[in-house]
Amino acid sequence: MVAFTHREAVMGIQQGKAEAAYAMERRSEERHEGLVESAVIWFRGASHNVPVLNLSSRGTMIETDIAPRLGETVLVEFPECSRIHAFVRWARDGRIGLNFGHEILIG
């Protein structure tokens, strides 16, 4: 068993918080707001028209009242684009973060 002093434990907690903050800030892909207004989400066999809050090359944030499980797969269809496989990264307060199965080109 490894024993830590109080100072070492506090420093470890602070370092963990700093690393988490750094990970959040270092998202390499830019978030685009207003680039796409809506999408169709195919969830458990049904389609849902949803507002798109932001979009990046690796994912999107939507607003909806559907209740998927974390990790659940959905299909996303933006206007005039092919459907994209995505998985639910997070869900809270009527918003869902989706990660695409592959990086997309935005332009």
N, C-alpha and C. Protein backbone atom coordinates (compact mmCIF):
# COMPACT_ATOMS: atom_id res chain seq x y z
N MET A 1 0.84 -1.17 0.00
CA MET A 1 0.00 0.00 0.00
C MET A 1 0.89 1.24 0.00
N VAL A 2 0.53 2.24 -0.80
CA VAL A 2 1.29 3.47 -0.91
C VAL A 2 0.63 4.52 -0.02
N ALA A 3 1.41 5.18 0.80
CA ALA A 3 0.87 6.23 1.67
C ALA A 3 1.30 7.59 1.14
N PHE A 4 0.38 8.53 1.14
CA PHE A 4 0.66 9.89 0.69
C PHE A 4 0.47 10.85 1.85
N THR A 5 1.29 11.88 1.86
CA THR A 5 1.07 12.94 2.84
C THR A 5 -0.14 13.75 2.39
N HIS A 6 -0.68 14.54 3.28
CA HIS A 6 -1.83 15.39 2.92
C HIS A 6 -1.47 16.31 1.76
N ARG A 7 -0.28 16.89 1.80
CA ARG A 7 0.15 17.79 0.73
C ARG A 7 0.22 17.07 -0.61
N GLU A 8 0.77 15.84 -0.64
CA GLU A 8 0.86 15.06 -1.87
C GLU A 8 -0.53 14.73 -2.41
N ALA A 9 -1.45 14.39 -1.50
CA ALA A 9 -2.82 14.07 -1.92
C ALA A 9 -3.50 15.29 -2.53
N VAL A 10 -3.34 16.46 -1.89
CA VAL A 10 -3.94 17.69 -2.41
C VAL A 10 -3.33 18.05 -3.75
N MET A 11 -2.00 17.93 -3.87
CA MET A 11 -1.34 18.24 -5.14
C MET A 11 -1.83 17.29 -6.24
N GLY A 12 -2.04 16.02 -5.92
CA GLY A 12 -2.54 15.06 -6.90
C GLY A 12 -3.94 15.41 -7.37
N ILE A 13 -4.80 15.82 -6.45
CA ILE A 13 -6.16 16.23 -6.80
C ILE A 13 -6.12 17.46 -7.69
N GLN A 14 -5.30 18.44 -7.31
CA GLN A 14 -5.18 19.66 -8.11
C GLN A 14 -4.65 19.35 -9.50
N GLN A 15 -3.66 18.46 -9.59
CA GLN A 15 -3.11 18.10 -10.90
C GLN A 15 -4.17 17.40 -11.74
N GLY A 16 -4.97 16.53 -11.13
CA GLY A 16 -6.04 15.85 -11.85
C GLY A 16 -7.05 16.83 -12.40
N LYS A 17 -7.43 17.83 -11.60
CA LYS A 17 -8.36 18.85 -12.06
C LYS A 17 -7.76 19.67 -13.20
N ALA A 18 -6.49 20.00 -13.09
CA ALA A 18 -5.82 20.77 -14.14
C ALA A 18 -5.74 19.97 -15.44
N GLU A 19 -5.47 18.67 -15.33
CA GLU A 19 -5.40 17.83 -16.53
C GLU A 19 -6.77 17.71 -17.19
N ALA A 20 -7.83 17.60 -16.39
CA ALA A 20 -9.19 17.54 -16.94
C ALA A 20 -9.55 18.84 -17.64
N ALA A 21 -9.19 19.96 -17.04
CA ALA A 21 -9.47 21.27 -17.65
C ALA A 21 -8.69 21.42 -18.95
N TYR A 22 -7.44 20.97 -18.95
CA TYR A 22 -6.63 21.05 -20.16
C TYR A 22 -7.24 20.20 -21.27
N ALA A 23 -7.71 19.01 -20.93
CA ALA A 23 -8.32 18.13 -21.93
C ALA A 23 -9.55 18.79 -22.54
N MET A 24 -10.34 19.48 -21.73
CA MET A 24 -11.53 20.15 -22.25
C MET A 24 -11.16 21.31 -23.17
N GLU A 25 -10.09 22.03 -22.83
CA GLU A 25 -9.70 23.21 -23.59
C GLU A 25 -8.94 22.86 -24.87
N ARG A 26 -8.38 21.68 -24.94
CA ARG A 26 -7.53 21.36 -26.09
C ARG A 26 -8.28 20.69 -27.23
N ARG A 27 -9.60 20.74 -27.20
CA ARG A 27 -10.35 20.21 -28.33
C ARG A 27 -9.81 20.87 -29.58
N SER A 28 -9.28 20.06 -30.45
CA SER A 28 -8.62 20.62 -31.62
C SER A 28 -9.60 21.09 -32.68
N GLU A 29 -10.79 20.54 -32.68
CA GLU A 29 -11.74 20.92 -33.71
C GLU A 29 -12.59 22.11 -33.26
N GLU A 30 -12.75 23.03 -34.15
CA GLU A 30 -13.53 24.23 -33.88
C GLU A 30 -15.02 23.89 -33.86
N ARG A 31 -15.76 24.50 -32.93
CA ARG A 31 -17.21 24.35 -32.87
C ARG A 31 -17.84 25.44 -33.72
N HIS A 32 -18.78 25.05 -34.59
CA HIS A 32 -19.46 26.01 -35.45
C HIS A 32 -20.91 26.13 -35.00
N GLU A 33 -21.34 27.33 -34.68
CA GLU A 33 -22.73 27.58 -34.32
C GLU A 33 -23.41 28.29 -35.48
N GLY A 34 -24.65 27.89 -35.78
CA GLY A 34 -25.40 28.53 -36.85
C GLY A 34 -25.08 28.06 -38.25
N LEU A 35 -24.11 27.16 -38.38
CA LEU A 35 -23.75 26.64 -39.69
C LEU A 35 -24.85 25.73 -40.24
N VAL A 36 -25.43 24.94 -39.36
CA VAL A 36 -26.55 24.06 -39.69
C VAL A 36 -27.63 24.31 -38.65
N GLU A 37 -28.85 24.56 -39.10
CA GLU A 37 -29.93 24.86 -38.15
C GLU A 37 -30.60 23.62 -37.59
N SER A 38 -30.72 22.56 -38.42
CA SER A 38 -31.44 21.38 -37.95
C SER A 38 -30.89 20.12 -38.62
N ALA A 39 -31.30 18.99 -38.08
CA ALA A 39 -30.92 17.68 -38.63
C ALA A 39 -32.05 16.72 -38.34
N VAL A 40 -32.00 15.59 -39.01
CA VAL A 40 -32.91 14.49 -38.70
C VAL A 40 -32.09 13.43 -37.98
N ILE A 41 -32.56 13.03 -36.82
CA ILE A 41 -31.92 11.99 -36.04
C ILE A 41 -32.76 10.73 -36.17
N TRP A 42 -32.14 9.63 -36.54
CA TRP A 42 -32.81 8.33 -36.62
C TRP A 42 -32.44 7.59 -35.35
N PHE A 43 -33.45 7.41 -34.48
CA PHE A 43 -33.23 6.87 -33.15
C PHE A 43 -34.26 5.77 -32.88
N ARG A 44 -33.78 4.57 -32.65
CA ARG A 44 -34.64 3.41 -32.37
C ARG A 44 -35.74 3.26 -33.42
N GLY A 45 -35.37 3.43 -34.70
CA GLY A 45 -36.29 3.20 -35.80
C GLY A 45 -37.21 4.35 -36.16
N ALA A 46 -37.14 5.45 -35.43
CA ALA A 46 -37.99 6.61 -35.71
C ALA A 46 -37.13 7.83 -36.04
N SER A 47 -37.66 8.70 -36.89
CA SER A 47 -36.93 9.93 -37.22
C SER A 47 -37.43 11.08 -36.35
N HIS A 48 -36.51 11.96 -36.02
CA HIS A 48 -36.80 13.12 -35.17
C HIS A 48 -36.11 14.34 -35.78
N ASN A 49 -36.87 15.38 -36.07
CA ASN A 49 -36.27 16.65 -36.50
C ASN A 49 -35.79 17.38 -35.25
N VAL A 50 -34.52 17.77 -35.25
CA VAL A 50 -33.94 18.39 -34.06
C VAL A 50 -33.14 19.64 -34.42
N PRO A 51 -33.13 20.63 -33.54
CA PRO A 51 -32.25 21.78 -33.73
C PRO A 51 -30.79 21.37 -33.48
N VAL A 52 -29.89 21.91 -34.27
CA VAL A 52 -28.45 21.68 -34.10
C VAL A 52 -27.88 22.92 -33.41
N LEU A 53 -27.28 22.73 -32.24
CA LEU A 53 -26.74 23.86 -31.48
C LEU A 53 -25.31 24.19 -31.90
N ASN A 54 -24.52 23.16 -32.20
CA ASN A 54 -23.20 23.40 -32.76
C ASN A 54 -22.73 22.15 -33.49
N LEU A 55 -21.68 22.32 -34.27
CA LEU A 55 -21.18 21.25 -35.13
C LEU A 55 -19.67 21.36 -35.21
N SER A 56 -19.00 20.22 -35.15
CA SER A 56 -17.56 20.18 -35.39
C SER A 56 -17.28 19.03 -36.35
N SER A 57 -16.04 18.84 -36.71
CA SER A 57 -15.70 17.76 -37.63
C SER A 57 -15.88 16.39 -37.00
N ARG A 58 -15.97 16.33 -35.69
CA ARG A 58 -16.06 15.05 -34.99
C ARG A 58 -17.38 14.83 -34.27
N GLY A 59 -18.26 15.83 -34.25
CA GLY A 59 -19.52 15.64 -33.53
C GLY A 59 -20.43 16.84 -33.59
N THR A 60 -21.54 16.72 -32.88
CA THR A 60 -22.53 17.79 -32.86
C THR A 60 -23.27 17.79 -31.52
N MET A 61 -23.83 18.93 -31.18
CA MET A 61 -24.70 19.02 -30.02
C MET A 61 -26.09 19.37 -30.54
N ILE A 62 -27.08 18.56 -30.12
CA ILE A 62 -28.46 18.78 -30.55
C ILE A 62 -29.34 19.04 -29.34
N GLU A 63 -30.53 19.55 -29.62
CA GLU A 63 -31.53 19.77 -28.58
C GLU A 63 -32.71 18.88 -28.90
N THR A 64 -33.13 18.06 -27.93
CA THR A 64 -34.21 17.11 -28.17
C THR A 64 -34.75 16.56 -26.87
N ASP A 65 -35.93 15.97 -26.95
CA ASP A 65 -36.51 15.35 -25.76
C ASP A 65 -36.38 13.82 -25.79
N ILE A 66 -35.66 13.27 -26.79
CA ILE A 66 -35.43 11.82 -26.79
C ILE A 66 -34.48 11.48 -25.64
N ALA A 67 -34.53 10.23 -25.19
CA ALA A 67 -33.74 9.83 -24.03
C ALA A 67 -32.86 8.62 -24.35
N PRO A 68 -31.78 8.83 -25.07
CA PRO A 68 -30.89 7.70 -25.39
C PRO A 68 -29.99 7.36 -24.21
N ARG A 69 -29.45 6.16 -24.27
CA ARG A 69 -28.44 5.74 -23.29
C ARG A 69 -27.06 6.21 -23.77
N LEU A 70 -26.16 6.43 -22.85
CA LEU A 70 -24.79 6.78 -23.22
C LEU A 70 -24.20 5.65 -24.05
N GLY A 71 -23.56 6.00 -25.14
CA GLY A 71 -22.96 5.01 -26.03
C GLY A 71 -23.90 4.47 -27.08
N GLU A 72 -25.18 4.78 -26.97
CA GLU A 72 -26.16 4.29 -27.95
C GLU A 72 -25.88 4.93 -29.31
N THR A 73 -26.12 4.16 -30.37
CA THR A 73 -25.87 4.63 -31.72
C THR A 73 -27.12 5.25 -32.32
N VAL A 74 -26.92 6.36 -33.03
CA VAL A 74 -27.99 7.03 -33.78
C VAL A 74 -27.45 7.33 -35.18
N LEU A 75 -28.35 7.65 -36.09
CA LEU A 75 -27.95 8.15 -37.40
C LEU A 75 -28.31 9.63 -37.44
N VAL A 76 -27.42 10.43 -38.00
CA VAL A 76 -27.63 11.87 -38.12
C VAL A 76 -27.66 12.20 -39.60
N GLU A 77 -28.66 12.97 -40.01
CA GLU A 77 -28.75 13.39 -41.41
C GLU A 77 -28.92 14.91 -41.47
N PHE A 78 -27.87 15.58 -41.95
CA PHE A 78 -27.93 17.02 -42.15
C PHE A 78 -28.52 17.29 -43.53
N PRO A 79 -29.11 18.48 -43.73
CA PRO A 79 -29.69 18.78 -45.05
C PRO A 79 -28.68 18.56 -46.18
N GLU A 80 -29.12 17.87 -47.21
CA GLU A 80 -28.34 17.60 -48.43
C GLU A 80 -27.05 16.83 -48.15
N CYS A 81 -27.04 16.00 -47.11
CA CYS A 81 -25.88 15.17 -46.78
C CYS A 81 -26.31 13.73 -46.54
N SER A 82 -25.37 12.83 -46.63
CA SER A 82 -25.63 11.42 -46.32
C SER A 82 -25.78 11.26 -44.81
N ARG A 83 -26.41 10.18 -44.41
CA ARG A 83 -26.53 9.87 -42.98
C ARG A 83 -25.17 9.51 -42.41
N ILE A 84 -24.97 9.90 -41.17
CA ILE A 84 -23.70 9.67 -40.47
C ILE A 84 -24.00 8.88 -39.20
N HIS A 85 -23.25 7.83 -38.96
CA HIS A 85 -23.37 7.10 -37.69
C HIS A 85 -22.74 7.94 -36.59
N ALA A 86 -23.40 7.99 -35.45
CA ALA A 86 -22.86 8.72 -34.30
C ALA A 86 -23.23 7.97 -33.03
N PHE A 87 -22.49 8.21 -31.97
CA PHE A 87 -22.86 7.61 -30.69
C PHE A 87 -23.03 8.71 -29.66
N VAL A 88 -23.88 8.43 -28.69
CA VAL A 88 -24.21 9.41 -27.65
C VAL A 88 -23.05 9.50 -26.67
N ARG A 89 -22.46 10.66 -26.61
CA ARG A 89 -21.32 10.92 -25.70
C ARG A 89 -21.81 11.38 -24.34
N TRP A 90 -22.85 12.23 -24.34
CA TRP A 90 -23.43 12.73 -23.10
C TRP A 90 -24.86 13.21 -23.38
N ALA A 91 -25.68 13.30 -22.34
CA ALA A 91 -27.05 13.79 -22.47
C ALA A 91 -27.45 14.44 -21.15
N ARG A 92 -27.96 15.68 -21.23
CA ARG A 92 -28.44 16.36 -20.02
C ARG A 92 -29.24 17.60 -20.40
N ASP A 93 -30.25 17.87 -19.63
CA ASP A 93 -31.06 19.08 -19.77
C ASP A 93 -31.59 19.28 -21.19
N GLY A 94 -32.04 18.19 -21.84
CA GLY A 94 -32.60 18.31 -23.18
C GLY A 94 -31.59 18.51 -24.29
N ARG A 95 -30.33 18.33 -23.98
CA ARG A 95 -29.26 18.45 -24.98
C ARG A 95 -28.48 17.15 -25.02
N ILE A 96 -28.00 16.82 -26.23
CA ILE A 96 -27.24 15.58 -26.41
C ILE A 96 -25.98 15.88 -27.21
N GLY A 97 -24.86 15.35 -26.74
CA GLY A 97 -23.60 15.44 -27.47
C GLY A 97 -23.36 14.15 -28.22
N LEU A 98 -23.16 14.25 -29.52
CA LEU A 98 -22.95 13.08 -30.38
C LEU A 98 -21.56 13.11 -30.99
N ASN A 99 -20.89 11.97 -30.98
CA ASN A 99 -19.61 11.80 -31.68
C ASN A 99 -19.85 11.03 -32.96
N PHE A 100 -19.32 11.55 -34.07
CA PHE A 100 -19.49 10.88 -35.34
C PHE A 100 -18.58 9.65 -35.41
N GLY A 101 -19.00 8.67 -36.22
CA GLY A 101 -18.20 7.47 -36.42
C GLY A 101 -16.92 7.74 -37.18
N HIS A 102 -16.88 8.86 -37.89
CA HIS A 102 -15.68 9.27 -38.61
C HIS A 102 -15.70 10.80 -38.73
N GLU A 103 -14.55 11.37 -38.97
CA GLU A 103 -14.44 12.81 -39.09
C GLU A 103 -15.12 13.28 -40.39
N ILE A 104 -15.81 14.41 -40.32
CA ILE A 104 -16.46 14.95 -41.52
C ILE A 104 -15.77 16.25 -41.93
N LEU A 105 -15.93 16.60 -43.19
CA LEU A 105 -15.39 17.87 -43.69
C LEU A 105 -16.46 18.92 -43.58
N ILE A 106 -16.11 20.05 -43.03
CA ILE A 106 -17.04 21.17 -42.89
C ILE A 106 -16.55 22.28 -43.79
N GLY A 107 -17.46 22.78 -44.61
CA GLY A 107 -16.98 23.84 -45.50
C GLY A 107 -18.00 24.47 -46.31
